[in-house]
Amino acid sequence: LETIRSHIESQKIIPAALRLVDIAGIVKGASQGEGLGNKFLS
């Protein structure tokens, strides 16, 4: 992106982006409902 801007004048640069989801810690037994279980597995 910066390489392109070094040759083409532009007001701003917008990179590609990825949505990231932070899912609360899984514990042993989650599939049987331990911790918050399937609510986080979903």
Full PDB file with SEQRES, HELIX, SHEET, SSBOND, CRYST1, ORIGX, SCALE, CONECT and MASTER records, all heavy atoms in Angstrom:
SEQRES   1 A   42  LEU GLU THR ILE ARG SER HIS ILE GLU SER GLN LYS ILE          
SEQRES   2 A   42  ILE PRO ALA ALA LEU ARG LEU VAL ASP ILE ALA GLY ILE          
SEQRES   3 A   42  VAL LYS GLY ALA SER GLN GLY GLU GLY LEU GLY ASN LYS          
SEQRES   4 A   42  PHE LEU SER                                                  
HELIX    1 AA1 GLU A    2  ARG A    5  1                                   4    
HELIX    2 AA2 ALA A   30  GLN A   32  5                                   3    
HELIX    3 AA3 ASN A   38  LEU A   41  1                                   4    
CRYST1    1.000    1.000    1.000  90.00  90.00  90.00 P 1           1          
ORIGX1      1.000000  0.000000  0.000000        0.00000                         
ORIGX2      0.000000  1.000000  0.000000        0.00000                         
ORIGX3      0.000000  0.000000  1.000000        0.00000                         
SCALE1      1.000000  0.000000  0.000000        0.00000                         
SCALE2      0.000000  1.000000  0.000000        0.00000                         
SCALE3      0.000000  0.000000  1.000000        0.00000                         
ATOM      1  N   LEU A   1       0.829  -1.207   0.000  1.00  0.00           N  
ATOM      2  CA  LEU A   1       0.000   0.000   0.000  1.00  0.00           C  
ATOM      3  C   LEU A   1       0.864   1.258   0.000  1.00  0.00           C  
ATOM      4  O   LEU A   1       0.591   2.219  -0.738  1.00  0.00           O  
ATOM      5  CB  LEU A   1      -0.925  -0.010   1.224  1.00  0.00           C  
ATOM      6  CG  LEU A   1      -2.080  -1.019   1.177  1.00  0.00           C  
ATOM      7  CD1 LEU A   1      -2.671  -1.217   2.572  1.00  0.00           C  
ATOM      8  CD2 LEU A   1      -3.157  -0.567   0.203  1.00  0.00           C  
ATOM      9  N   GLU A   2       1.907   1.271   0.816  1.00  0.00           N  
ATOM     10  CA  GLU A   2       2.812   2.421   0.844  1.00  0.00           C  
ATOM     11  C   GLU A   2       3.606   2.520  -0.448  1.00  0.00           C  
ATOM     12  O   GLU A   2       3.924   3.622  -0.920  1.00  0.00           O  
ATOM     13  CB  GLU A   2       3.756   2.324   2.043  1.00  0.00           C  
ATOM     14  CG  GLU A   2       3.104   2.605   3.385  1.00  0.00           C  
ATOM     15  CD  GLU A   2       2.672   4.055   3.560  1.00  0.00           C  
ATOM     16  OE1 GLU A   2       3.022   4.896   2.701  1.00  0.00           O  
ATOM     17  OE2 GLU A   2       1.970   4.340   4.549  1.00  0.00           O  
ATOM     18  N   THR A   3       3.933   1.368  -1.040  1.00  0.00           N  
ATOM     19  CA  THR A   3       4.639   1.375  -2.322  1.00  0.00           C  
ATOM     20  C   THR A   3       3.787   2.052  -3.389  1.00  0.00           C  
ATOM     21  O   THR A   3       4.279   2.880  -4.166  1.00  0.00           O  
ATOM     22  CB  THR A   3       4.969  -0.061  -2.766  1.00  0.00           C  
ATOM     23  OG1 THR A   3       5.809  -0.683  -1.796  1.00  0.00           O  
ATOM     24  CG2 THR A   3       5.668  -0.064  -4.117  1.00  0.00           C  
ATOM     25  N   ILE A   4       2.500   1.728  -3.397  1.00  0.00           N  
ATOM     26  CA  ILE A   4       1.591   2.351  -4.366  1.00  0.00           C  
ATOM     27  C   ILE A   4       1.520   3.853  -4.124  1.00  0.00           C  
ATOM     28  O   ILE A   4       1.586   4.659  -5.052  1.00  0.00           O  
ATOM     29  CB  ILE A   4       0.191   1.714  -4.286  1.00  0.00           C  
ATOM     30  CG1 ILE A   4       0.244   0.243  -4.720  1.00  0.00           C  
ATOM     31  CG2 ILE A   4      -0.806   2.472  -5.172  1.00  0.00           C  
ATOM     32  CD1 ILE A   4      -1.032  -0.531  -4.453  1.00  0.00           C  
ATOM     33  N   ARG A   5       1.406   4.260  -2.847  1.00  0.00           N  
ATOM     34  CA  ARG A   5       1.276   5.697  -2.540  1.00  0.00           C  
ATOM     35  C   ARG A   5       2.553   6.467  -2.878  1.00  0.00           C  
ATOM     36  O   ARG A   5       2.499   7.681  -3.127  1.00  0.00           O  
ATOM     37  CB  ARG A   5       0.905   5.902  -1.074  1.00  0.00           C  
ATOM     38  CG  ARG A   5       0.614   7.378  -0.778  1.00  0.00           C  
ATOM     39  CD  ARG A   5      -0.242   7.627   0.420  1.00  0.00           C  
ATOM     40  NE  ARG A   5       0.389   7.258   1.667  1.00  0.00           N  
ATOM     41  CZ  ARG A   5      -0.146   7.539   2.864  1.00  0.00           C  
ATOM     42  NH1 ARG A   5      -1.317   8.170   2.940  1.00  0.00           N  
ATOM     43  NH2 ARG A   5       0.465   7.171   3.966  1.00  0.00           N  
ATOM     44  N   SER A   6       3.682   5.795  -2.904  1.00  0.00           N  
ATOM     45  CA  SER A   6       4.919   6.490  -3.269  1.00  0.00           C  
ATOM     46  C   SER A   6       4.917   6.915  -4.732  1.00  0.00           C  
ATOM     47  O   SER A   6       5.721   7.757  -5.146  1.00  0.00           O  
ATOM     48  CB  SER A   6       6.133   5.594  -2.978  1.00  0.00           C  
ATOM     49  OG  SER A   6       6.172   4.487  -3.868  1.00  0.00           O  
ATOM     50  N   HIS A   7       3.993   6.346  -5.530  1.00  0.00           N  
ATOM     51  CA  HIS A   7       3.906   6.683  -6.951  1.00  0.00           C  
ATOM     52  C   HIS A   7       2.576   7.324  -7.338  1.00  0.00           C  
ATOM     53  O   HIS A   7       2.493   7.990  -8.373  1.00  0.00           O  
ATOM     54  CB  HIS A   7       4.126   5.434  -7.806  1.00  0.00           C  
ATOM     55  CG  HIS A   7       5.463   4.790  -7.610  1.00  0.00           C  
ATOM     56  ND1 HIS A   7       6.643   5.377  -8.022  1.00  0.00           N  
ATOM     57  CD2 HIS A   7       5.815   3.621  -7.019  1.00  0.00           C  
ATOM     58  CE1 HIS A   7       7.668   4.580  -7.694  1.00  0.00           C  
ATOM     59  NE2 HIS A   7       7.184   3.506  -7.087  1.00  0.00           N  
ATOM     60  N   ILE A   8       1.557   7.096  -6.520  1.00  0.00           N  
ATOM     61  CA  ILE A   8       0.235   7.669  -6.802  1.00  0.00           C  
ATOM     62  C   ILE A   8      -0.191   8.482  -5.573  1.00  0.00           C  
ATOM     63  O   ILE A   8      -0.435   7.922  -4.504  1.00  0.00           O  
ATOM     64  CB  ILE A   8      -0.806   6.571  -7.094  1.00  0.00           C  
ATOM     65  CG1 ILE A   8      -0.404   5.775  -8.344  1.00  0.00           C  
ATOM     66  CG2 ILE A   8      -2.199   7.181  -7.271  1.00  0.00           C  
ATOM     67  CD1 ILE A   8      -1.332   4.612  -8.655  1.00  0.00           C  
ATOM     68  N   GLU A   9      -0.294   9.788  -5.742  1.00  0.00           N  
ATOM     69  CA  GLU A   9      -0.668  10.648  -4.611  1.00  0.00           C  
ATOM     70  C   GLU A   9      -2.116  10.388  -4.215  1.00  0.00           C  
ATOM     71  O   GLU A   9      -3.008  10.337  -5.066  1.00  0.00           O  
ATOM     72  CB  GLU A   9      -0.482  12.115  -4.998  1.00  0.00           C  
ATOM     73  CG  GLU A   9      -0.667  13.064  -3.835  1.00  0.00           C  
ATOM     74  CD  GLU A   9      -0.342  14.501  -4.200  1.00  0.00           C  
ATOM     75  OE1 GLU A   9       0.334  14.714  -5.232  1.00  0.00           O  
ATOM     76  OE2 GLU A   9      -0.770  15.406  -3.464  1.00  0.00           O  
ATOM     77  N   SER A  10      -2.339  10.237  -2.916  1.00  0.00           N  
ATOM     78  CA  SER A  10      -3.685   9.913  -2.436  1.00  0.00           C  
ATOM     79  C   SER A  10      -3.873  10.456  -1.029  1.00  0.00           C  
ATOM     80  O   SER A  10      -2.909  10.627  -0.267  1.00  0.00           O  
ATOM     81  CB  SER A  10      -3.895   8.396  -2.444  1.00  0.00           C  
ATOM     82  OG  SER A  10      -5.239   8.071  -2.143  1.00  0.00           O  
ATOM     83  N   GLN A  11      -5.143  10.725  -0.662  1.00  0.00           N  
ATOM     84  CA  GLN A  11      -5.440  11.312   0.647  1.00  0.00           C  
ATOM     85  C   GLN A  11      -5.259  10.313   1.782  1.00  0.00           C  
ATOM     86  O   GLN A  11      -4.870  10.686   2.885  1.00  0.00           O  
ATOM     87  CB  GLN A  11      -6.876  11.855   0.658  1.00  0.00           C  
ATOM     88  CG  GLN A  11      -7.101  13.028  -0.272  1.00  0.00           C  
ATOM     89  CD  GLN A  11      -8.553  13.481  -0.277  1.00  0.00           C  
ATOM     90  OE1 GLN A  11      -9.336  13.147   0.616  1.00  0.00           O  
ATOM     91  NE2 GLN A  11      -8.928  14.246  -1.306  1.00  0.00           N  
ATOM     92  N   LYS A  12      -5.563   9.048   1.541  1.00  0.00           N  
ATOM     93  CA  LYS A  12      -5.479   8.075   2.627  1.00  0.00           C  
ATOM     94  C   LYS A  12      -5.270   6.662   2.097  1.00  0.00           C  
ATOM     95  O   LYS A  12      -5.483   6.382   0.914  1.00  0.00           O  
ATOM     96  CB  LYS A  12      -6.745   8.115   3.487  1.00  0.00           C  
ATOM     97  CG  LYS A  12      -8.022   7.805   2.729  1.00  0.00           C  
ATOM     98  CD  LYS A  12      -9.237   7.938   3.651  1.00  0.00           C  
ATOM     99  CE  LYS A  12     -10.538   7.708   2.888  1.00  0.00           C  
ATOM    100  NZ  LYS A  12     -11.733   7.848   3.749  1.00  0.00           N  
ATOM    101  N   ILE A  13      -4.853   5.801   3.013  1.00  0.00           N  
ATOM    102  CA  ILE A  13      -4.663   4.377   2.734  1.00  0.00           C  
ATOM    103  C   ILE A  13      -5.624   3.588   3.609  1.00  0.00           C  
ATOM    104  O   ILE A  13      -5.769   3.874   4.798  1.00  0.00           O  
ATOM    105  CB  ILE A  13      -3.212   3.946   3.023  1.00  0.00           C  
ATOM    106  CG1 ILE A  13      -2.287   4.359   1.879  1.00  0.00           C  
ATOM    107  CG2 ILE A  13      -3.119   2.442   3.247  1.00  0.00           C  
ATOM    108  CD1 ILE A  13      -0.839   4.008   2.113  1.00  0.00           C  
ATOM    109  N   ILE A  14      -6.289   2.604   3.016  1.00  0.00           N  
ATOM    110  CA  ILE A  14      -7.194   1.740   3.773  1.00  0.00           C  
ATOM    111  C   ILE A  14      -6.760   0.288   3.564  1.00  0.00           C  
ATOM    112  O   ILE A  14      -6.898  -0.253   2.459  1.00  0.00           O  
ATOM    113  CB  ILE A  14      -8.657   1.914   3.329  1.00  0.00           C  
ATOM    114  CG1 ILE A  14      -9.084   3.377   3.482  1.00  0.00           C  
ATOM    115  CG2 ILE A  14      -9.570   0.996   4.150  1.00  0.00           C  
ATOM    116  CD1 ILE A  14     -10.490   3.653   2.996  1.00  0.00           C  
ATOM    117  N   PRO A  15      -6.222  -0.362   4.597  1.00  0.00           N  
ATOM    118  CA  PRO A  15      -5.796  -1.765   4.442  1.00  0.00           C  
ATOM    119  C   PRO A  15      -6.981  -2.718   4.455  1.00  0.00           C  
ATOM    120  O   PRO A  15      -8.100  -2.341   4.846  1.00  0.00           O  
ATOM    121  CB  PRO A  15      -4.910  -1.984   5.666  1.00  0.00           C  
ATOM    122  CG  PRO A  15      -5.484  -1.060   6.700  1.00  0.00           C  
ATOM    123  CD  PRO A  15      -5.962   0.156   5.953  1.00  0.00           C  
ATOM    124  N   ALA A  16      -6.741  -3.938   4.049  1.00  0.00           N  
ATOM    125  CA  ALA A  16      -7.753  -4.975   4.207  1.00  0.00           C  
ATOM    126  C   ALA A  16      -7.922  -5.254   5.695  1.00  0.00           C  
ATOM    127  O   ALA A  16      -7.052  -4.916   6.509  1.00  0.00           O  
ATOM    128  CB  ALA A  16      -7.328  -6.243   3.470  1.00  0.00           C  
ATOM    129  N   ALA A  17      -9.036  -5.844   6.066  1.00  0.00           N  
ATOM    130  CA  ALA A  17      -9.296  -6.083   7.483  1.00  0.00           C  
ATOM    131  C   ALA A  17      -9.947  -7.437   7.687  1.00  0.00           C  
ATOM    132  O   ALA A  17     -10.570  -7.995   6.775  1.00  0.00           O  
ATOM    133  CB  ALA A  17     -10.176  -4.979   8.055  1.00  0.00           C  
ATOM    134  N   LEU A  18      -9.791  -7.947   8.893  1.00  0.00           N  
ATOM    135  CA  LEU A  18     -10.356  -9.238   9.275  1.00  0.00           C  
ATOM    136  C   LEU A  18     -11.132  -9.065  10.573  1.00  0.00           C  
ATOM    137  O   LEU A  18     -10.644  -8.420  11.500  1.00  0.00           O  
ATOM    138  CB  LEU A  18      -9.221 -10.252   9.476  1.00  0.00           C  
ATOM    139  CG  LEU A  18      -9.589 -11.650   9.990  1.00  0.00           C  
ATOM    140  CD1 LEU A  18     -10.326 -12.420   8.908  1.00  0.00           C  
ATOM    141  CD2 LEU A  18      -8.331 -12.398  10.406  1.00  0.00           C  
ATOM    142  N   ARG A  19     -12.328  -9.609  10.634  1.00  0.00           N  
ATOM    143  CA  ARG A  19     -13.087  -9.589  11.885  1.00  0.00           C  
ATOM    144  C   ARG A  19     -12.570 -10.704  12.788  1.00  0.00           C  
ATOM    145  O   ARG A  19     -12.399 -11.840  12.355  1.00  0.00           O  
ATOM    146  CB  ARG A  19     -14.581  -9.788  11.618  1.00  0.00           C  
ATOM    147  CG  ARG A  19     -15.280  -8.513  11.185  1.00  0.00           C  
ATOM    148  CD  ARG A  19     -16.721  -8.766  10.785  1.00  0.00           C  
ATOM    149  NE  ARG A  19     -17.498  -9.368  11.876  1.00  0.00           N  
ATOM    150  CZ  ARG A  19     -18.111  -8.677  12.823  1.00  0.00           C  
ATOM    151  NH1 ARG A  19     -18.022  -7.362  12.840  1.00  0.00           N  
ATOM    152  NH2 ARG A  19     -18.819  -9.292  13.761  1.00  0.00           N  
ATOM    153  N   LEU A  20     -12.338 -10.340  14.035  1.00  0.00           N  
ATOM    154  CA  LEU A  20     -11.783 -11.286  14.997  1.00  0.00           C  
ATOM    155  C   LEU A  20     -12.714 -11.369  16.205  1.00  0.00           C  
ATOM    156  O   LEU A  20     -13.168 -10.347  16.717  1.00  0.00           O  
ATOM    157  CB  LEU A  20     -10.401 -10.815  15.441  1.00  0.00           C  
ATOM    158  CG  LEU A  20      -9.463 -11.852  16.045  1.00  0.00           C  
ATOM    159  CD1 LEU A  20      -9.148 -12.938  15.023  1.00  0.00           C  
ATOM    160  CD2 LEU A  20      -8.180 -11.184  16.500  1.00  0.00           C  
ATOM    161  N   VAL A  21     -12.992 -12.589  16.628  1.00  0.00           N  
ATOM    162  CA  VAL A  21     -13.900 -12.813  17.753  1.00  0.00           C  
ATOM    163  C   VAL A  21     -13.120 -13.458  18.896  1.00  0.00           C  
ATOM    164  O   VAL A  21     -12.487 -14.499  18.723  1.00  0.00           O  
ATOM    165  CB  VAL A  21     -15.072 -13.739  17.340  1.00  0.00           C  
ATOM    166  CG1 VAL A  21     -16.025 -13.941  18.513  1.00  0.00           C  
ATOM    167  CG2 VAL A  21     -15.818 -13.172  16.149  1.00  0.00           C  
ATOM    168  N   ASP A  22     -13.145 -12.814  20.059  1.00  0.00           N  
ATOM    169  CA  ASP A  22     -12.486 -13.349  21.249  1.00  0.00           C  
ATOM    170  C   ASP A  22     -13.506 -14.176  22.029  1.00  0.00           C  
ATOM    171  O   ASP A  22     -14.421 -13.632  22.642  1.00  0.00           O  
ATOM    172  CB  ASP A  22     -11.955 -12.194  22.106  1.00  0.00           C  
ATOM    173  CG  ASP A  22     -11.289 -12.678  23.389  1.00  0.00           C  
ATOM    174  OD1 ASP A  22     -10.872 -13.857  23.416  1.00  0.00           O  
ATOM    175  OD2 ASP A  22     -11.191 -11.900  24.346  1.00  0.00           O  
ATOM    176  N   ILE A  23     -13.352 -15.482  21.986  1.00  0.00           N  
ATOM    177  CA  ILE A  23     -14.309 -16.390  22.620  1.00  0.00           C  
ATOM    178  C   ILE A  23     -13.771 -16.794  23.986  1.00  0.00           C  
ATOM    179  O   ILE A  23     -12.622 -17.204  24.112  1.00  0.00           O  
ATOM    180  CB  ILE A  23     -14.551 -17.629  21.728  1.00  0.00           C  
ATOM    181  CG1 ILE A  23     -15.170 -17.170  20.405  1.00  0.00           C  
ATOM    182  CG2 ILE A  23     -15.461 -18.635  22.429  1.00  0.00           C  
ATOM    183  CD1 ILE A  23     -15.119 -18.193  19.299  1.00  0.00           C  
ATOM    184  N   ALA A  24     -14.596 -16.642  25.020  1.00  0.00           N  
ATOM    185  CA  ALA A  24     -14.139 -16.863  26.399  1.00  0.00           C  
ATOM    186  C   ALA A  24     -13.527 -18.253  26.562  1.00  0.00           C  
ATOM    187  O   ALA A  24     -13.864 -19.196  25.849  1.00  0.00           O  
ATOM    188  CB  ALA A  24     -15.291 -16.688  27.371  1.00  0.00           C  
ATOM    189  N   GLY A  25     -12.611 -18.371  27.527  1.00  0.00           N  
ATOM    190  CA  GLY A  25     -11.836 -19.594  27.727  1.00  0.00           C  
ATOM    191  C   GLY A  25     -12.684 -20.855  27.834  1.00  0.00           C  
ATOM    192  O   GLY A  25     -13.634 -20.923  28.612  1.00  0.00           O  
ATOM    193  N   ILE A  26     -12.315 -21.838  27.041  1.00  0.00           N  
ATOM    194  CA  ILE A  26     -12.986 -23.139  27.090  1.00  0.00           C  
ATOM    195  C   ILE A  26     -12.342 -23.969  28.197  1.00  0.00           C  
ATOM    196  O   ILE A  26     -11.126 -23.928  28.386  1.00  0.00           O  
ATOM    197  CB  ILE A  26     -12.848 -23.855  25.733  1.00  0.00           C  
ATOM    198  CG1 ILE A  26     -13.571 -23.057  24.642  1.00  0.00           C  
ATOM    199  CG2 ILE A  26     -13.417 -25.269  25.796  1.00  0.00           C  
ATOM    200  CD1 ILE A  26     -13.330 -23.594  23.245  1.00  0.00           C  
ATOM    201  N   VAL A  27     -13.126 -24.738  28.916  1.00  0.00           N  
ATOM    202  CA  VAL A  27     -12.584 -25.616  29.948  1.00  0.00           C  
ATOM    203  C   VAL A  27     -12.932 -27.056  29.624  1.00  0.00           C  
ATOM    204  O   VAL A  27     -13.814 -27.333  28.816  1.00  0.00           O  
ATOM    205  CB  VAL A  27     -13.143 -25.257  31.351  1.00  0.00           C  
ATOM    206  CG1 VAL A  27     -12.747 -23.847  31.736  1.00  0.00           C  
ATOM    207  CG2 VAL A  27     -14.665 -25.411  31.389  1.00  0.00           C  
ATOM    208  N   LYS A  28     -12.198 -27.971  30.236  1.00  0.00           N  
ATOM    209  CA  LYS A  28     -12.492 -29.384  30.049  1.00  0.00           C  
ATOM    210  C   LYS A  28     -13.921 -29.665  30.512  1.00  0.00           C  
ATOM    211  O   LYS A  28     -14.330 -29.245  31.582  1.00  0.00           O  
ATOM    212  CB  LYS A  28     -11.507 -30.239  30.842  1.00  0.00           C  
ATOM    213  CG  LYS A  28     -11.608 -31.731  30.550  1.00  0.00           C  
ATOM    214  CD  LYS A  28     -10.474 -32.492  31.222  1.00  0.00           C  
ATOM    215  CE  LYS A  28     -10.536 -33.976  30.845  1.00  0.00           C  
ATOM    216  NZ  LYS A  28      -9.414 -34.725  31.459  1.00  0.00           N  
ATOM    217  N   GLY A  29     -14.690 -30.351  29.676  1.00  0.00           N  
ATOM    218  CA  GLY A  29     -16.082 -30.628  29.999  1.00  0.00           C  
ATOM    219  C   GLY A  29     -17.057 -29.623  29.399  1.00  0.00           C  
ATOM    220  O   GLY A  29     -18.259 -29.684  29.644  1.00  0.00           O  
ATOM    221  N   ALA A  30     -16.541 -28.686  28.575  1.00  0.00           N  
ATOM    222  CA  ALA A  30     -17.410 -27.663  27.980  1.00  0.00           C  
ATOM    223  C   ALA A  30     -18.526 -28.279  27.148  1.00  0.00           C  
ATOM    224  O   ALA A  30     -19.655 -27.795  27.142  1.00  0.00           O  
ATOM    225  CB  ALA A  30     -16.584 -26.703  27.121  1.00  0.00           C  
ATOM    226  N   SER A  31     -18.206 -29.368  26.440  1.00  0.00           N  
ATOM    227  CA  SER A  31     -19.223 -30.009  25.598  1.00  0.00           C  
ATOM    228  C   SER A  31     -20.356 -30.613  26.417  1.00  0.00           C  
ATOM    229  O   SER A  31     -21.442 -30.872  25.906  1.00  0.00           O  
ATOM    230  CB  SER A  31     -18.587 -31.094  24.722  1.00  0.00           C  
ATOM    231  OG  SER A  31     -17.925 -32.057  25.519  1.00  0.00           O  
ATOM    232  N   GLN A  32     -20.093 -30.848  27.727  1.00  0.00           N  
ATOM    233  CA  GLN A  32     -21.133 -31.341  28.620  1.00  0.00           C  
ATOM    234  C   GLN A  32     -21.685 -30.220  29.506  1.00  0.00           C  
ATOM    235  O   GLN A  32     -22.398 -30.472  30.472  1.00  0.00           O  
ATOM    236  CB  GLN A  32     -20.599 -32.458  29.528  1.00  0.00           C  
ATOM    237  CG  GLN A  32     -20.571 -33.833  28.853  1.00  0.00           C  
ATOM    238  CD  GLN A  32     -19.428 -33.952  27.857  1.00  0.00           C  
ATOM    239  OE1 GLN A  32     -18.300 -33.632  28.185  1.00  0.00           O  
ATOM    240  NE2 GLN A  32     -19.730 -34.406  26.654  1.00  0.00           N  
ATOM    241  N   GLY A  33     -21.328 -28.971  29.169  1.00  0.00           N  
ATOM    242  CA  GLY A  33     -21.903 -27.846  29.894  1.00  0.00           C  
ATOM    243  C   GLY A  33     -21.028 -27.269  30.977  1.00  0.00           C  
ATOM    244  O   GLY A  33     -21.460 -26.369  31.699  1.00  0.00           O  
ATOM    245  N   GLU A  34     -19.779 -27.768  31.134  1.00  0.00           N  
ATOM    246  CA  GLU A  34     -18.889 -27.189  32.148  1.00  0.00           C  
ATOM    247  C   GLU A  34     -18.551 -25.747  31.767  1.00  0.00           C  
ATOM    248  O   GLU A  34     -18.472 -25.404  30.589  1.00  0.00           O  
ATOM    249  CB  GLU A  34     -17.598 -28.003  32.270  1.00  0.00           C  
ATOM    250  CG  GLU A  34     -17.798 -29.383  32.860  1.00  0.00           C  
ATOM    251  CD  GLU A  34     -18.247 -29.328  34.318  1.00  0.00           C  
ATOM    252  OE1 GLU A  34     -17.791 -28.417  35.037  1.00  0.00           O  
ATOM    253  OE2 GLU A  34     -19.062 -30.176  34.718  1.00  0.00           O  
ATOM    254  N   GLY A  35     -18.284 -24.923  32.771  1.00  0.00           N  
ATOM    255  CA  GLY A  35     -18.063 -23.500  32.514  1.00  0.00           C  
ATOM    256  C   GLY A  35     -19.338 -22.924  31.947  1.00  0.00           C  
ATOM    257  O   GLY A  35     -20.420 -23.134  32.481  1.00  0.00           O  
ATOM    258  N   LEU A  36     -19.205 -22.207  30.832  1.00  0.00           N  
ATOM    259  CA  LEU A  36     -20.405 -21.729  30.147  1.00  0.00           C  
ATOM    260  C   LEU A  36     -20.696 -22.594  28.937  1.00  0.00           C  
ATOM    261  O   LEU A  36     -21.569 -22.279  28.131  1.00  0.00           O  
ATOM    262  CB  LEU A  36     -20.240 -20.263  29.762  1.00  0.00           C  
ATOM    263  CG  LEU A  36     -20.307 -19.323  30.972  1.00  0.00           C  
ATOM    264  CD1 LEU A  36     -19.902 -17.909  30.567  1.00  0.00           C  
ATOM    265  CD2 LEU A  36     -21.686 -19.306  31.600  1.00  0.00           C  
ATOM    266  N   GLY A  37     -19.934 -23.680  28.795  1.00  0.00           N  
ATOM    267  CA  GLY A  37     -20.240 -24.764  27.867  1.00  0.00           C  
ATOM    268  C   GLY A  37     -20.686 -24.358  26.483  1.00  0.00           C  
ATOM    269  O   GLY A  37     -20.043 -23.582  25.795  1.00  0.00           O  
ATOM    270  N   ASN A  38     -21.809 -24.900  26.083  1.00  0.00           N  
ATOM    271  CA  ASN A  38     -22.268 -24.750  24.707  1.00  0.00           C  
ATOM    272  C   ASN A  38     -22.628 -23.315  24.338  1.00  0.00           C  
ATOM    273  O   ASN A  38     -22.751 -22.988  23.159  1.00  0.00           O  
ATOM    274  CB  ASN A  38     -23.461 -25.672  24.449  1.00  0.00           C  
ATOM    275  CG  ASN A  38     -23.048 -27.128  24.439  1.00  0.00           C  
ATOM    276  OD1 ASN A  38     -21.964 -27.456  23.962  1.00  0.00           O  
ATOM    277  ND2 ASN A  38     -23.889 -27.996  24.965  1.00  0.00           N  
ATOM    278  N   LYS A  39     -22.803 -22.468  25.346  1.00  0.00           N  
ATOM    279  CA  LYS A  39     -23.102 -21.072  25.028  1.00  0.00           C  
ATOM    280  C   LYS A  39     -21.915 -20.435  24.321  1.00  0.00           C  
ATOM    281  O   LYS A  39     -22.080 -19.569  23.464  1.00  0.00           O  
ATOM    282  CB  LYS A  39     -23.456 -20.310  26.304  1.00  0.00           C  
ATOM    283  CG  LYS A  39     -24.762 -20.780  26.938  1.00  0.00           C  
ATOM    284  CD  LYS A  39     -25.015 -20.114  28.264  1.00  0.00           C  
ATOM    285  CE  LYS A  39     -26.309 -20.640  28.902  1.00  0.00           C  
ATOM    286  NZ  LYS A  39     -26.543 -20.062  30.244  1.00  0.00           N  
ATOM    287  N   PHE A  40     -20.696 -20.858  24.706  1.00  0.00           N  
ATOM    288  CA  PHE A  40     -19.523 -20.337  24.023  1.00  0.00           C  
ATOM    289  C   PHE A  40     -19.170 -21.184  22.803  1.00  0.00           C  
ATOM    290  O   PHE A  40     -18.653 -20.677  21.821  1.00  0.00           O  
ATOM    291  CB  PHE A  40     -18.337 -20.250  24.985  1.00  0.00           C  
ATOM    292  CG  PHE A  40     -18.442 -19.072  25.908  1.00  0.00           C  
ATOM    293  CD1 PHE A  40     -18.458 -19.253  27.271  1.00  0.00           C  
ATOM    294  CD2 PHE A  40     -18.546 -17.795  25.408  1.00  0.00           C  
ATOM    295  CE1 PHE A  40     -18.561 -18.171  28.129  1.00  0.00           C  
ATOM    296  CE2 PHE A  40     -18.653 -16.694  26.258  1.00  0.00           C  
ATOM    297  CZ  PHE A  40     -18.660 -16.889  27.624  1.00  0.00           C  
ATOM    298  N   LEU A  41     -19.447 -22.464  22.873  1.00  0.00           N  
ATOM    299  CA  LEU A  41     -19.204 -23.307  21.700  1.00  0.00           C  
ATOM    300  C   LEU A  41     -20.033 -22.808  20.519  1.00  0.00           C  
ATOM    301  O   LEU A  41     -19.613 -22.890  19.368  1.00  0.00           O  
ATOM    302  CB  LEU A  41     -19.538 -24.768  22.016  1.00  0.00           C  
ATOM    303  CG  LEU A  41     -18.595 -25.468  23.000  1.00  0.00           C  
ATOM    304  CD1 LEU A  41     -19.102 -26.866  23.317  1.00  0.00           C  
ATOM    305  CD2 LEU A  41     -17.182 -25.541  22.454  1.00  0.00           C  
ATOM    306  N   SER A  42     -21.213 -22.274  20.795  1.00  0.00           N  
ATOM    307  CA  SER A  42     -22.062 -21.769  19.714  1.00  0.00           C  
ATOM    308  C   SER A  42     -21.400 -20.595  19.007  1.00  0.00           C  
ATOM    309  O   SER A  42     -21.580 -20.415  17.799  1.00  0.00           O  
ATOM    310  CB  SER A  42     -23.428 -21.351  20.259  1.00  0.00           C  
ATOM    311  OG  SER A  42     -23.317 -20.222  21.107  1.00  0.00           O  
TER     312      SER A  42                                                      
MASTER        0    0    0    3    0    0    0    6  311    1    0    4          
END                                                                             
